[in-house]
Protein backbone atom coordinates (compact mmCIF):
# COMPACT_ATOMS: atom_id res chain seq x y z
CA MET A 1 9.31 -18.48 -25.97
CA LYS A 2 11.60 -19.17 -22.91
CA ALA A 3 11.58 -17.00 -19.78
CA THR A 4 13.93 -17.02 -16.94
CA VAL A 5 13.02 -15.95 -13.19
CA LEU A 6 15.26 -15.22 -10.85
CA GLY A 7 14.10 -15.59 -7.23
CA ALA A 8 11.63 -18.05 -5.79
CA GLY A 9 9.58 -15.93 -3.19
CA PHE A 10 6.36 -14.44 -3.68
CA ALA A 11 6.81 -12.54 -6.70
CA GLY A 12 8.99 -14.93 -8.10
CA CYS A 13 6.37 -18.04 -7.62
CA LEU A 14 3.50 -15.84 -9.02
CA VAL A 15 5.40 -14.57 -12.21
CA THR A 16 6.27 -18.34 -13.02
CA TYR A 17 2.69 -19.44 -12.59
CA LEU A 18 1.34 -16.66 -14.83
CA LEU A 19 3.90 -17.06 -17.31
CA LYS A 20 3.33 -20.46 -17.56
CA GLN A 21 -0.63 -20.01 -18.06
CA MET A 22 0.38 -17.96 -21.23
CA GLY A 23 2.42 -21.11 -22.49
CA ILE A 24 5.91 -19.92 -21.66
CA GLN A 25 8.47 -22.24 -20.74
CA VAL A 26 9.86 -20.87 -17.07
CA SER A 27 13.28 -21.59 -15.65
CA LEU A 28 12.81 -20.79 -11.90
CA VAL A 29 16.31 -20.32 -10.04
CA GLU A 30 16.42 -20.11 -6.44
CA ARG A 31 19.67 -19.85 -4.52
CA ALA A 32 18.55 -20.96 -1.31
CA PRO A 33 17.14 -24.29 -0.68
CA ARG A 34 13.62 -25.10 -1.04
CA ASP A 35 11.08 -27.79 0.16
CA ASP A 36 7.40 -28.36 -0.36
CA GLN A 37 6.57 -28.07 3.20
CA ARG A 38 8.47 -24.73 4.18
CA THR A 39 7.63 -24.66 7.79
CA HIS A 40 10.72 -22.63 8.37
CA MET A 41 11.53 -19.18 8.46
CA THR A 42 12.24 -18.05 4.66
CA PRO A 43 16.27 -17.33 4.17
CA GLY A 44 17.14 -14.11 3.00
CA ILE A 45 13.84 -12.16 3.74
CA PRO A 46 14.14 -10.47 7.60
CA GLN A 47 10.67 -9.50 7.57
CA SER A 48 9.40 -13.69 7.14
CA ALA A 49 9.22 -13.98 10.91
CA HIS A 50 6.64 -11.13 11.11
CA VAL A 51 2.72 -10.87 10.24
CA HIS A 52 1.81 -10.72 6.42
CA VAL A 53 -1.07 -9.46 5.37
CA LEU A 54 -2.74 -9.65 1.81
CA LEU A 55 -4.22 -6.28 1.23
CA SER A 56 -8.10 -6.58 -0.06
CA LYS A 57 -6.80 -6.18 -3.96
CA GLY A 58 -4.21 -8.53 -3.47
CA LEU A 59 -6.44 -11.11 -1.81
CA HIS A 60 -8.73 -10.81 -4.96
CA ARG A 61 -6.38 -11.18 -7.53
CA LEU A 62 -5.00 -14.63 -5.66
CA GLN A 63 -8.33 -16.05 -5.17
CA HIS A 64 -9.09 -15.36 -8.78
CA THR A 65 -5.62 -16.81 -10.00
CA TYR A 66 -5.46 -19.75 -7.73
CA ALA A 67 -8.70 -22.00 -7.82
CA ASP A 68 -7.40 -23.79 -4.49
CA PHE A 69 -6.05 -20.70 -2.74
CA LYS A 70 -9.24 -19.87 -0.75
CA THR A 71 -9.74 -23.50 0.25
CA PHE A 72 -6.20 -23.89 1.31
CA LEU A 73 -6.49 -21.05 3.43
CA ASP A 74 -9.80 -22.22 4.86
CA GLN A 75 -7.94 -25.72 5.75
CA HIS A 76 -5.50 -24.06 7.77
CA HIS A 77 -8.20 -21.72 9.61
CA VAL A 78 -6.58 -18.52 8.33
CA PRO A 79 -9.25 -15.81 9.59
CA GLU A 80 -10.84 -13.36 7.38
CA PHE A 81 -11.62 -9.74 8.54
CA ASP A 82 -13.53 -6.65 7.65
CA TRP A 83 -10.72 -4.13 7.84
CA GLY A 84 -13.50 -1.32 8.88
CA ALA A 85 -15.61 -3.18 11.23
CA GLU A 86 -13.23 -5.90 12.94
CA THR A 87 -10.01 -4.00 13.13
CA HIS A 88 -9.21 -1.42 15.76
CA TRP A 89 -6.84 0.76 14.65
CA TYR A 90 -5.22 3.69 16.64
CA SER A 91 -2.72 6.46 15.51
CA GLY A 92 -1.67 8.74 18.16
CA VAL A 93 -4.78 9.88 20.18
CA TYR A 94 -7.49 9.14 17.35
CA LYS A 95 -9.12 5.74 16.85
CA ALA A 96 -10.96 4.76 13.50
CA PRO A 97 -14.57 4.08 13.37
CA SER A 98 -15.52 0.56 13.45
CA TYR A 99 -18.30 -0.05 10.89
CA PRO A 100 -18.64 -2.73 7.87
CA SER A 101 -16.54 -1.61 5.18
CA GLY A 102 -16.72 -4.55 2.47
CA ILE A 103 -13.11 -4.61 2.55
CA ARG A 104 -11.79 -7.84 3.74
CA THR A 105 -8.42 -9.27 4.35
CA ARG A 106 -6.69 -12.36 5.88
CA CYS A 107 -3.74 -12.34 7.79
CA PHE A 108 -1.17 -15.16 8.07
CA SER A 109 2.37 -16.16 8.69
CA ARG A 110 5.18 -16.08 5.59
CA PRO A 111 6.17 -19.69 5.64
CA LEU A 112 2.35 -20.63 5.08
CA LEU A 113 2.06 -18.66 2.00
CA ASP A 114 5.32 -19.39 0.76
CA ARG A 115 4.50 -23.24 1.12
CA PHE A 116 1.43 -22.76 -1.01
CA MET A 117 3.06 -20.30 -3.95
CA TRP A 118 5.82 -22.51 -3.88
CA GLN A 119 4.01 -25.72 -4.37
CA GLN A 120 2.05 -24.05 -7.23
CA ALA A 121 5.07 -22.89 -9.08
CA ARG A 122 7.16 -26.02 -8.71
CA ALA A 123 4.66 -27.91 -10.22
CA CYS A 124 4.26 -25.60 -13.45
CA ALA A 125 7.85 -24.27 -13.89
CA THR A 126 9.48 -26.04 -16.55
CA GLU A 127 12.54 -26.90 -14.64
CA TYR A 128 13.69 -25.85 -11.10
CA LEU A 129 17.42 -24.76 -11.05
CA HIS A 130 19.01 -24.43 -7.26
CA ASP A 131 21.76 -22.01 -8.42
CA GLU A 132 22.90 -18.56 -8.07
CA GLY A 133 22.31 -16.46 -10.83
CA THR A 134 23.78 -12.79 -12.03
CA ILE A 135 22.83 -10.84 -14.63
CA HIS A 136 25.04 -9.49 -17.37
CA TRP A 137 24.13 -6.65 -19.64
CA PRO A 138 26.64 -6.00 -22.82
CA GLY A 139 25.10 -2.59 -23.42
CA THR A 140 22.55 -0.51 -25.38
CA GLY A 141 20.21 -2.47 -27.57
CA GLN A 142 21.31 -5.59 -26.43
CA PRO A 143 19.52 -8.22 -24.26
CA ALA A 144 20.66 -9.10 -20.68
CA GLN A 145 22.01 -12.49 -20.05
CA VAL A 146 21.61 -14.85 -16.98
CA HIS A 147 24.95 -16.70 -15.73
CA LEU A 148 24.27 -19.33 -13.26
CA LYS A 149 27.20 -19.80 -10.85
CA THR A 150 27.33 -23.65 -11.79
CA ARG A 151 26.02 -24.26 -14.71
CA GLY A 152 27.21 -20.99 -16.83
CA THR A 153 25.07 -18.66 -19.68
CA LEU A 154 21.59 -19.93 -19.99
CA LYS A 155 19.85 -19.53 -23.34
CA THR A 156 16.49 -17.08 -22.49
CA ASP A 157 14.21 -14.70 -24.27
CA ILE A 158 12.89 -13.37 -21.08
CA VAL A 159 14.36 -12.42 -17.95
CA VAL A 160 12.48 -11.52 -14.77
CA ASP A 161 14.40 -10.19 -11.58
CA CYS A 162 12.29 -11.10 -8.45
CA ARG A 163 15.20 -11.68 -6.24
CA GLY A 164 13.98 -8.94 -3.91
CA ARG A 165 16.68 -7.43 -1.50
CA ASN A 166 19.16 -9.68 -3.08
CA SER A 167 18.89 -8.44 -6.32
CA GLN A 168 22.29 -6.85 -7.69
CA LEU A 169 20.55 -4.00 -10.24
CA PRO A 170 20.61 -0.63 -8.62
CA SER A 171 23.33 0.52 -10.83
CA LEU A 172 20.53 0.31 -13.58
CA SER A 173 18.74 3.08 -11.63
CA ILE A 174 18.81 6.60 -12.86
CA ARG A 175 17.31 7.67 -9.58
CA THR A 176 17.02 5.79 -6.10
CA GLU A 177 15.03 7.06 -3.57
CA LYS A 178 15.45 6.10 0.22
CA GLN A 179 14.43 6.78 3.41
CA ARG A 180 15.44 5.18 6.36
CA THR A 181 12.76 4.88 8.67
CA SER A 182 14.31 3.67 12.07
CA VAL A 183 11.02 1.51 12.62
CA ASN A 184 11.65 -1.47 14.91
CA TYR A 185 9.75 -4.73 15.07
CA ARG A 186 9.80 -7.22 17.93
CA THR A 187 7.60 -10.32 17.02
CA ARG A 188 6.20 -13.12 18.99
CA VAL A 189 3.88 -16.19 17.84
CA LEU A 190 1.28 -17.11 20.56
CA ILE A 191 -0.84 -20.34 20.82
CA ARG A 192 -4.51 -18.96 21.13
CA GLU A 193 -6.90 -20.72 23.52
CA THR A 194 -9.12 -23.04 21.52
CA ASP A 195 -12.56 -21.44 22.97
CA THR A 196 -11.18 -17.85 21.81
CA PRO A 197 -12.71 -16.66 18.87
CA ALA A 198 -10.60 -15.30 16.12
CA THR A 199 -13.02 -12.27 15.73
CA THR A 200 -10.65 -9.29 15.35
CA GLN A 201 -7.07 -7.48 15.16
CA PHE A 202 -5.46 -4.36 16.62
CA TYR A 203 -3.22 -1.98 15.72
CA GLN A 204 -2.10 1.10 17.57
CA GLN A 205 0.21 2.50 15.03
CA PRO A 206 3.30 4.93 16.05
CA ALA A 207 2.92 8.59 15.70
CA PRO A 208 6.17 10.20 16.66
CA PRO A 209 7.24 12.22 18.54
CA HIS A 210 4.50 11.99 21.37
CA HIS A 211 3.67 8.32 20.56
CA PRO A 212 6.94 6.67 19.42
CA TYR A 213 5.44 3.26 20.42
CA GLY A 214 3.01 0.76 18.82
CA ALA A 215 1.60 -2.54 18.72
CA LEU A 216 -0.03 -5.13 16.35
CA TYR A 217 -1.99 -7.94 17.73
CA GLY A 218 -3.93 -10.58 15.44
CA PRO A 219 -4.92 -13.95 15.03
CA ILE A 220 -3.09 -16.25 12.18
CA GLU A 221 -3.53 -19.64 10.98
CA ASP A 222 -3.89 -23.16 12.63
CA GLY A 223 -4.70 -21.45 15.86
CA LYS A 224 -2.11 -19.16 16.37
CA SER A 225 -1.98 -15.25 16.80
CA ILE A 226 1.06 -13.05 16.09
CA LEU A 227 2.06 -10.18 18.83
CA THR A 228 4.37 -7.37 17.45
CA THR A 229 5.54 -4.44 19.34
CA ILE A 230 6.97 -1.52 17.47
CA GLY A 231 9.50 1.32 18.51
CA ILE A 232 10.81 4.45 16.42
CA GLY A 233 14.05 5.72 16.69
CA ASN A 234 16.16 5.27 20.09
CA ASN A 235 12.54 3.18 21.57
CA PRO A 236 12.89 -0.18 20.27
CA GLY A 237 9.43 -1.42 21.24
CA LYS A 238 10.48 -2.65 24.80
CA GLN A 239 7.91 -0.51 26.60
CA PRO A 240 5.75 -2.93 28.79
CA LEU A 241 2.88 -4.74 26.64
CA THR A 242 0.28 -3.41 29.46
CA THR A 243 1.09 -0.11 28.37
CA LEU A 244 1.36 -0.93 24.82
CA LEU A 245 -2.08 -2.71 24.71
CA SER A 246 -4.04 -0.68 27.23
CA ARG A 247 -6.42 0.50 24.38
CA MET A 248 -7.65 -2.80 23.72
CA GLU A 249 -10.92 -4.11 25.22
CA ALA A 250 -10.75 -5.79 28.60
CA ALA A 251 -11.24 -9.11 27.35
CA GLU A 252 -8.47 -9.03 24.74
CA ILE A 253 -5.85 -7.55 26.83
CA SER A 254 -6.63 -10.70 29.35
CA GLN A 255 -6.60 -13.14 26.55
CA VAL A 256 -3.12 -12.07 25.31
CA GLN A 257 -1.82 -11.93 28.96
CA ARG A 258 -3.08 -15.42 29.38
CA ILE A 259 -1.25 -17.12 26.33
CA LEU A 260 1.87 -15.14 26.44
CA PRO A 261 3.80 -17.86 28.28
CA THR A 262 3.08 -20.07 25.17
CA SER A 263 4.92 -17.62 22.97
CA SER A 264 7.70 -18.16 20.81
CA ALA A 265 11.34 -16.62 20.62
CA THR A 266 11.37 -13.26 19.88
CA HIS A 267 12.27 -12.05 16.12
CA LYS A 268 13.38 -8.76 15.77
CA PHE A 269 13.30 -6.72 12.44
CA CYS A 270 15.42 -3.29 12.60
CA HIS A 271 15.60 -0.21 10.65
CA ALA A 272 13.07 -0.86 8.17
CA GLN A 273 13.52 1.25 5.14
CA ASN A 274 11.76 2.31 2.07
CA VAL A 275 13.91 1.94 -1.29
CA TRP A 276 12.55 2.72 -4.71
CA PHE A 277 14.91 1.86 -7.75
CA HIS A 278 13.40 4.30 -10.80
CA PHE A 279 14.37 1.50 -13.50
CA GLY A 280 11.49 3.29 -15.77
CA ARG A 281 13.90 6.62 -16.17
CA ASN A 282 16.40 4.50 -17.82
CA ARG A 283 16.25 5.10 -21.71
CA ARG A 284 18.99 2.45 -22.21
CA TRP A 285 16.99 -0.34 -20.49
CA PRO A 286 17.83 -3.82 -21.37
CA SER A 287 15.11 -5.15 -24.15
CA ASN A 288 14.51 -8.36 -22.02
CA LEU A 289 14.53 -7.50 -18.80
CA PHE A 290 11.82 -6.86 -16.18
CA VAL A 291 12.55 -6.28 -12.66
CA LEU A 292 9.55 -6.17 -9.85
CA GLY A 293 8.87 -6.98 -6.21
CA ASP A 294 11.19 -5.74 -3.83
CA ALA A 295 13.88 -5.89 -6.51
CA ALA A 296 12.10 -2.73 -7.67
CA CYS A 297 10.63 -1.24 -4.51
CA ARG A 298 11.02 -2.31 -0.72
CA PHE A 299 8.55 -0.88 1.82
CA ASN A 300 8.44 -0.26 5.27
CA PRO A 301 5.93 -2.73 6.34
CA ALA A 302 3.91 -0.29 8.29
CA TYR A 303 0.68 -0.73 5.87
CA GLY A 304 1.56 -4.16 4.58
CA GLN A 305 1.77 -3.22 1.06
CA GLY A 306 4.65 -5.26 -0.47
CA MET A 307 2.99 -8.53 -1.64
CA THR A 308 0.11 -6.59 -3.23
CA VAL A 309 2.59 -4.29 -4.96
CA ALA A 310 4.23 -7.62 -6.02
CA SER A 311 1.24 -8.99 -7.28
CA GLU A 312 0.26 -6.08 -9.35
CA GLY A 313 3.59 -6.06 -10.82
CA ALA A 314 3.16 -9.16 -11.87
CA PHE A 315 -0.44 -9.05 -13.49
CA LEU A 316 1.42 -5.81 -15.26
CA LEU A 317 3.90 -8.14 -16.59
CA GLN A 318 1.34 -10.59 -18.12
CA GLN A 319 -0.47 -7.62 -19.78
CA CYS A 320 2.86 -6.33 -21.23
CA LEU A 321 3.82 -9.73 -22.97
CA ARG A 322 0.04 -9.83 -24.26
CA GLU A 323 -0.01 -6.56 -25.62
CA GLY A 324 3.75 -6.62 -27.19
CA ARG A 325 4.87 -3.60 -25.17
CA SER A 326 8.62 -3.02 -24.61
CA THR A 327 10.04 -3.70 -21.12
CA ARG A 328 10.66 0.04 -20.57
CA TRP A 329 6.88 0.36 -20.92
CA PHE A 330 6.50 -1.96 -18.17
CA GLN A 331 8.98 -0.35 -15.70
CA ARG A 332 7.15 3.07 -16.45
CA GLN A 333 3.78 1.80 -15.77
CA LEU A 334 5.58 -0.40 -12.49
CA ASP A 335 6.65 2.86 -11.42
CA ARG A 336 3.11 4.88 -11.56
CA CYS A 337 1.69 1.75 -9.69
CA ILE A 338 4.27 2.35 -6.85
CA TYR A 339 3.66 6.01 -6.25
CA ILE A 340 0.72 5.89 -4.16
CA PRO A 341 1.93 3.17 -2.05
CA TRP A 342 5.34 5.18 -1.90
CA GLN A 343 3.76 8.07 -0.22
CA LEU A 344 1.56 6.16 2.52
CA SER A 345 4.84 3.96 3.47
CA SER A 346 7.13 6.89 3.23
CA GLU A 347 4.97 8.86 5.60
CA SER A 348 5.08 12.06 3.51
CA ARG A 349 4.16 15.20 5.17
CA LEU A 350 0.96 14.96 3.29
CA ILE A 351 0.26 11.63 4.25
CA HIS A 352 0.96 12.04 7.89
CA TRP A 353 -1.46 15.55 7.91
CA LEU A 354 -4.13 13.31 6.05
CA ARG A 355 -4.21 10.75 8.35
CA GLY A 356 -4.58 12.64 11.46
CA ARG A 357 -7.22 14.71 9.91
CA MET A 358 -8.95 11.90 8.53
CA LEU A 359 -9.16 9.89 12.10
CA ALA A 360 -9.95 13.11 13.78
CA THR A 361 -13.10 13.58 11.83
CA ALA A 362 -13.90 9.92 11.17
CA PHE A 363 -16.91 9.48 13.67
CA ARG A 364 -18.85 12.30 11.90
CA GLN A 365 -17.63 12.31 8.50
CA PRO A 366 -17.12 8.43 7.53
CA GLN A 367 -16.45 8.90 4.30
CA PRO A 368 -13.23 10.23 3.90
CA TYR A 369 -12.21 6.96 6.15
CA GLN A 370 -13.68 4.93 3.73
CA ASP A 371 -11.80 6.45 0.82
CA PHE A 372 -8.19 6.13 2.62
CA LEU A 373 -9.32 2.39 3.13
CA ARG A 374 -9.93 2.03 -0.94
CA VAL A 375 -6.67 3.77 -1.20
CA LEU A 376 -4.65 1.29 1.01
CA HIS A 377 -6.37 -1.77 -0.23
CA PHE A 378 -5.64 -0.43 -4.32
CA PHE A 379 -9.16 -0.36 -5.16
CA ASP A 380 -9.01 3.16 -5.97
CA PRO A 381 -5.68 4.67 -5.70
CA GLN A 382 -6.37 8.09 -7.43
CA ALA A 383 -8.71 8.66 -4.59
CA LEU A 384 -6.25 10.02 -2.65
CA ARG A 385 -6.48 13.49 -4.43
CA ARG A 386 -10.29 13.54 -3.48
CA LEU A 387 -9.76 12.60 0.20
CA VAL A 388 -7.25 15.52 0.25
CA GLY A 389 -9.97 17.90 -0.84
CA GLN A 390 -12.53 16.34 1.55
CA SER A 391 -10.13 16.84 4.38
CA LEU A 392 -9.29 20.61 3.54
CA LEU A 393 -13.28 21.02 3.41
CA LEU A 394 -13.68 19.48 6.63
CA PHE A 395 -11.55 22.18 8.54
């Protein structure tokens, strides 16, 4: 069996590795130039300059898939945090409690992760094609075909579209949900002082209309930190940093102020939006086409869910092939996987209400907050219903 994977981003590299483990020959197609070091920002991915988080379930997945992934992160001194004890999370006027949760994550830059994923995929891919691919579908009951710009049509049994925001398949979606969030991110990479321990991260989440500003500060790999200011709507995140970071501990504020002169240029990511293509509703779906990652659903990165959802889609694809399921079954199951993260990212009225109530009672009733963390990190997505019931009882 032969598969063609379009796109060599996070999702494409992970899918390539998993398919190869199943004994499938994989042709990896990528239109942008790639190199093994990948020290630059990823072309075609506007959020690549900003902090990236593998939520706890995604981190668990990769550490069990790649034997040397943890060693790679340790070699680059990527810090690891307990999300409950070492993350200072503010939303509006509320602060989440600090206590050991057992839910651990690691923060890093996108080029570092891309370097590892690309090296793994390049080593196991049957062939790598630097070309631009398009997908053609003759019609109902017919398999999709891949046509390369310079090489013509590829012979393949499976087509996996992981081109992210560059995917050209929205026309196959029966229903598309879009939500323009008007969130603006401005990020700078800072060089930490050598005697400054990387122990905590800080997240002030915007809560409009009364709190339209936010900030994110956290250590990443190789003695660096990332500082992101966040604005909503007409507030582009230009508020003075001392005001944005006023809730941080005094030592943390002085640390940021000392290392600001060593910061890099400011990278902007404006008008992030949520887009969900419901491919699973298409009854005429091609018999050999799988779509996952940002090509299926694009998230506003407020909760850092994109890469973990992409990894869940890759492992769902592996399960689908092992069990002999149809491509439409895969897309329908992927839609179910996306539903809870979509509710969080789109800030539905329920989630907005729930977050406020949960943080307001978190110090006297920590269990709802612990359940929320388990929902956020994909350990128990269905706990959201239980969480709503608990919040109703508390009020």
